[in-house]
Amino acid sequence: MLVSIGSRSIPKITAITRAFSRYPELWVDKHDKIEYIIMPKEVRNDEKIGQDKDNFSGVSCNPLTLEETISGAKNRAKNAFEHAEERCRHM
């Protein structure tokens, strides 16, 4: 099972890995292992120093509104899925 994590937050990554380890019945095959991939940090040359915008979510690192929070979550989920798809194609 491949789990693509759309965050680089250590507490979020820890929570996700713990949750999956506690529910092995969610795995497709009991002999299968779980592989986690975490979104890599992209560095853009045009990014200004001190700019707090995450490239994967497309919103600020500290969203101020509910709309920005939801938009960032949707973008991260979409990008995590596409990142996992790309990785699977190259396996």
N, C-alpha and C. Protein backbone atom coordinates (compact mmCIF):
# COMPACT_ATOMS: atom_id res chain seq x y z
N MET A 1 0.86 -1.17 0.00
CA MET A 1 0.00 0.00 0.00
C MET A 1 0.90 1.22 0.00
N LEU A 2 0.58 2.15 -0.84
CA LEU A 2 1.32 3.39 -0.94
C LEU A 2 0.47 4.51 -0.36
N VAL A 3 1.01 5.22 0.61
CA VAL A 3 0.32 6.34 1.23
C VAL A 3 1.12 7.59 0.91
N SER A 4 0.52 8.50 0.18
CA SER A 4 1.17 9.74 -0.17
C SER A 4 0.69 10.82 0.80
N ILE A 5 1.63 11.38 1.55
CA ILE A 5 1.30 12.37 2.57
C ILE A 5 1.54 13.76 2.01
N GLY A 6 0.49 14.55 1.94
CA GLY A 6 0.56 15.89 1.36
C GLY A 6 0.97 16.95 2.36
N SER A 7 1.91 16.62 3.23
CA SER A 7 2.38 17.55 4.24
C SER A 7 3.83 17.22 4.58
N ARG A 8 4.55 18.21 5.05
CA ARG A 8 5.90 17.98 5.56
C ARG A 8 5.95 18.22 7.07
N SER A 9 4.79 18.35 7.68
CA SER A 9 4.68 18.58 9.12
C SER A 9 4.96 17.28 9.87
N ILE A 10 5.97 17.29 10.73
CA ILE A 10 6.34 16.08 11.48
C ILE A 10 5.18 15.55 12.32
N PRO A 11 4.44 16.39 13.06
CA PRO A 11 3.30 15.85 13.82
C PRO A 11 2.23 15.21 12.93
N LYS A 12 1.98 15.78 11.76
CA LYS A 12 0.99 15.20 10.86
C LYS A 12 1.48 13.88 10.29
N ILE A 13 2.74 13.81 9.91
CA ILE A 13 3.31 12.58 9.37
C ILE A 13 3.28 11.48 10.43
N THR A 14 3.64 11.83 11.66
CA THR A 14 3.62 10.87 12.76
C THR A 14 2.21 10.35 13.00
N ALA A 15 1.23 11.24 13.01
CA ALA A 15 -0.17 10.83 13.23
C ALA A 15 -0.65 9.88 12.13
N ILE A 16 -0.30 10.18 10.90
CA ILE A 16 -0.74 9.33 9.77
C ILE A 16 -0.10 7.94 9.87
N THR A 17 1.20 7.89 10.12
CA THR A 17 1.87 6.59 10.19
C THR A 17 1.38 5.78 11.38
N ARG A 18 1.11 6.43 12.51
CA ARG A 18 0.56 5.71 13.67
C ARG A 18 -0.84 5.18 13.39
N ALA A 19 -1.65 5.99 12.74
CA ALA A 19 -3.02 5.57 12.45
C ALA A 19 -3.03 4.34 11.55
N PHE A 20 -2.23 4.33 10.51
CA PHE A 20 -2.20 3.17 9.61
C PHE A 20 -1.62 1.94 10.29
N SER A 21 -0.66 2.13 11.19
CA SER A 21 -0.06 0.97 11.86
C SER A 21 -1.04 0.33 12.84
N ARG A 22 -2.01 1.08 13.34
CA ARG A 22 -2.97 0.54 14.30
C ARG A 22 -4.16 -0.18 13.65
N TYR A 23 -4.31 -0.03 12.35
CA TYR A 23 -5.44 -0.65 11.66
C TYR A 23 -4.96 -1.48 10.46
N PRO A 24 -4.30 -2.60 10.72
CA PRO A 24 -3.79 -3.41 9.61
C PRO A 24 -4.89 -4.00 8.74
N GLU A 25 -6.13 -4.04 9.25
CA GLU A 25 -7.23 -4.56 8.42
C GLU A 25 -7.54 -3.65 7.24
N LEU A 26 -7.03 -2.42 7.26
CA LEU A 26 -7.23 -1.51 6.14
C LEU A 26 -6.33 -1.84 4.96
N TRP A 27 -5.29 -2.59 5.21
CA TRP A 27 -4.35 -2.93 4.15
C TRP A 27 -5.01 -3.89 3.19
N VAL A 28 -4.67 -3.81 1.95
CA VAL A 28 -5.25 -4.67 0.92
C VAL A 28 -4.88 -6.12 1.16
N ASP A 29 -3.64 -6.38 1.47
CA ASP A 29 -3.14 -7.74 1.67
C ASP A 29 -2.41 -7.78 3.01
N LYS A 30 -2.69 -8.77 3.81
CA LYS A 30 -2.08 -8.87 5.14
C LYS A 30 -0.55 -8.97 5.08
N HIS A 31 -0.02 -9.46 3.96
CA HIS A 31 1.43 -9.59 3.82
C HIS A 31 2.04 -8.36 3.14
N ASP A 32 1.20 -7.43 2.80
CA ASP A 32 1.65 -6.21 2.14
C ASP A 32 2.29 -5.29 3.17
N LYS A 33 3.18 -4.45 2.73
CA LYS A 33 3.75 -3.45 3.62
C LYS A 33 3.26 -2.08 3.19
N ILE A 34 3.33 -1.14 4.09
CA ILE A 34 2.92 0.22 3.77
C ILE A 34 4.17 1.03 3.46
N GLU A 35 4.12 1.74 2.36
CA GLU A 35 5.20 2.64 2.00
C GLU A 35 4.63 4.06 2.02
N TYR A 36 5.31 4.92 2.74
CA TYR A 36 4.88 6.31 2.85
C TYR A 36 5.78 7.17 1.99
N ILE A 37 5.18 8.07 1.23
CA ILE A 37 5.98 9.07 0.52
C ILE A 37 5.50 10.44 0.99
N ILE A 38 6.45 11.31 1.19
CA ILE A 38 6.17 12.64 1.70
C ILE A 38 6.50 13.64 0.61
N MET A 39 5.67 14.66 0.51
CA MET A 39 5.87 15.67 -0.52
C MET A 39 7.25 16.30 -0.37
N PRO A 40 8.02 16.33 -1.44
CA PRO A 40 9.34 16.97 -1.35
C PRO A 40 9.19 18.48 -1.31
N LYS A 41 10.17 19.13 -0.73
CA LYS A 41 10.14 20.59 -0.68
C LYS A 41 10.69 21.10 -1.99
N GLU A 42 9.88 21.87 -2.70
CA GLU A 42 10.33 22.45 -3.97
C GLU A 42 10.91 23.82 -3.70
N VAL A 43 11.99 24.10 -4.38
CA VAL A 43 12.61 25.41 -4.27
C VAL A 43 12.44 26.12 -5.60
N ARG A 44 11.86 27.29 -5.53
CA ARG A 44 11.66 28.07 -6.75
C ARG A 44 12.67 29.21 -6.76
N ASN A 45 13.24 29.47 -7.92
CA ASN A 45 14.22 30.54 -8.04
C ASN A 45 13.60 31.92 -7.92
N ASP A 46 12.32 32.05 -8.27
CA ASP A 46 11.68 33.36 -8.23
C ASP A 46 11.04 33.65 -6.88
N GLU A 47 11.25 32.75 -5.91
CA GLU A 47 10.64 32.93 -4.60
C GLU A 47 11.43 33.98 -3.81
N LYS A 48 10.72 34.91 -3.24
CA LYS A 48 11.35 35.96 -2.45
C LYS A 48 11.67 35.44 -1.07
N ILE A 49 12.74 35.93 -0.49
CA ILE A 49 13.11 35.54 0.87
C ILE A 49 12.03 36.03 1.82
N GLY A 50 11.61 35.13 2.72
CA GLY A 50 10.59 35.49 3.69
C GLY A 50 9.17 35.27 3.21
N GLN A 51 9.01 34.89 1.95
CA GLN A 51 7.67 34.64 1.43
C GLN A 51 7.15 33.35 2.03
N ASP A 52 6.02 33.40 2.68
CA ASP A 52 5.47 32.23 3.36
C ASP A 52 4.37 31.58 2.54
N LYS A 53 4.69 31.18 1.31
CA LYS A 53 3.71 30.51 0.48
C LYS A 53 4.22 29.11 0.16
N ASP A 54 3.37 28.13 0.43
CA ASP A 54 3.73 26.74 0.18
C ASP A 54 3.43 26.41 -1.27
N ASN A 55 4.40 25.82 -1.97
CA ASN A 55 4.22 25.51 -3.39
C ASN A 55 3.21 24.40 -3.65
N PHE A 56 3.04 23.47 -2.72
CA PHE A 56 2.12 22.37 -2.94
C PHE A 56 0.67 22.73 -2.65
N SER A 57 0.47 23.63 -1.70
CA SER A 57 -0.91 24.00 -1.38
C SER A 57 -1.37 25.21 -2.16
N GLY A 58 -0.44 26.06 -2.58
CA GLY A 58 -0.80 27.27 -3.32
C GLY A 58 -1.35 28.37 -2.44
N VAL A 59 -1.30 28.18 -1.12
CA VAL A 59 -1.77 29.20 -0.19
C VAL A 59 -0.65 29.48 0.82
N SER A 60 -0.86 30.48 1.66
CA SER A 60 0.16 30.80 2.65
C SER A 60 0.34 29.65 3.64
N CYS A 61 1.50 29.59 4.25
CA CYS A 61 1.79 28.53 5.22
C CYS A 61 0.88 28.63 6.44
N ASN A 62 0.40 29.82 6.74
CA ASN A 62 -0.53 30.04 7.84
C ASN A 62 -1.79 30.71 7.29
N PRO A 63 -2.70 29.89 6.72
CA PRO A 63 -3.91 30.48 6.12
C PRO A 63 -4.74 31.22 7.16
N LEU A 64 -5.32 32.32 6.73
CA LEU A 64 -6.08 33.17 7.64
C LEU A 64 -7.59 32.95 7.57
N THR A 65 -8.06 32.37 6.49
CA THR A 65 -9.51 32.20 6.33
C THR A 65 -9.85 30.72 6.12
N LEU A 66 -11.09 30.39 6.36
CA LEU A 66 -11.56 29.03 6.14
C LEU A 66 -11.44 28.66 4.66
N GLU A 67 -11.77 29.60 3.79
CA GLU A 67 -11.70 29.34 2.34
C GLU A 67 -10.26 29.01 1.93
N GLU A 68 -9.29 29.76 2.47
CA GLU A 68 -7.89 29.52 2.14
C GLU A 68 -7.44 28.16 2.70
N THR A 69 -7.90 27.80 3.88
CA THR A 69 -7.57 26.52 4.49
C THR A 69 -8.10 25.37 3.64
N ILE A 70 -9.35 25.47 3.22
CA ILE A 70 -9.98 24.42 2.40
C ILE A 70 -9.30 24.32 1.04
N SER A 71 -9.03 25.46 0.44
CA SER A 71 -8.36 25.47 -0.86
C SER A 71 -6.98 24.82 -0.77
N GLY A 72 -6.23 25.15 0.28
CA GLY A 72 -4.90 24.56 0.46
C GLY A 72 -4.97 23.06 0.68
N ALA A 73 -5.94 22.60 1.46
CA ALA A 73 -6.10 21.16 1.72
C ALA A 73 -6.44 20.42 0.43
N LYS A 74 -7.33 20.98 -0.37
CA LYS A 74 -7.69 20.34 -1.65
C LYS A 74 -6.48 20.29 -2.58
N ASN A 75 -5.73 21.38 -2.65
CA ASN A 75 -4.55 21.42 -3.52
C ASN A 75 -3.50 20.41 -3.06
N ARG A 76 -3.27 20.31 -1.76
CA ARG A 76 -2.29 19.35 -1.25
C ARG A 76 -2.72 17.92 -1.54
N ALA A 77 -4.00 17.61 -1.36
CA ALA A 77 -4.50 16.26 -1.64
C ALA A 77 -4.33 15.92 -3.13
N LYS A 78 -4.68 16.86 -3.98
CA LYS A 78 -4.54 16.65 -5.43
C LYS A 78 -3.07 16.45 -5.80
N ASN A 79 -2.20 17.28 -5.27
CA ASN A 79 -0.77 17.18 -5.58
C ASN A 79 -0.15 15.91 -5.01
N ALA A 80 -0.59 15.49 -3.83
CA ALA A 80 -0.10 14.24 -3.24
C ALA A 80 -0.50 13.05 -4.10
N PHE A 81 -1.74 13.06 -4.59
CA PHE A 81 -2.22 11.99 -5.46
C PHE A 81 -1.41 11.95 -6.76
N GLU A 82 -1.21 13.11 -7.37
CA GLU A 82 -0.45 13.17 -8.62
C GLU A 82 1.00 12.75 -8.41
N HIS A 83 1.58 13.12 -7.28
CA HIS A 83 2.95 12.73 -6.95
C HIS A 83 3.04 11.22 -6.82
N ALA A 84 2.08 10.60 -6.17
CA ALA A 84 2.06 9.14 -6.02
C ALA A 84 1.86 8.45 -7.36
N GLU A 85 0.96 9.00 -8.19
CA GLU A 85 0.74 8.43 -9.54
C GLU A 85 2.03 8.46 -10.36
N GLU A 86 2.72 9.57 -10.30
CA GLU A 86 3.98 9.72 -11.05
C GLU A 86 5.01 8.73 -10.55
N ARG A 87 5.09 8.55 -9.27
CA ARG A 87 6.04 7.60 -8.70
C ARG A 87 5.71 6.19 -9.12
N CYS A 88 4.43 5.83 -9.12
CA CYS A 88 4.02 4.47 -9.51
C CYS A 88 4.33 4.20 -10.98
N ARG A 89 4.22 5.22 -11.81
CA ARG A 89 4.52 5.05 -13.23
C ARG A 89 5.98 4.70 -13.46
N HIS A 90 6.85 5.17 -12.58
CA HIS A 90 8.29 4.95 -12.74
C HIS A 90 8.79 3.71 -11.99
N MET A 91 7.87 2.95 -11.41
CA MET A 91 8.27 1.74 -10.67
C MET A 91 8.33 0.55 -11.59
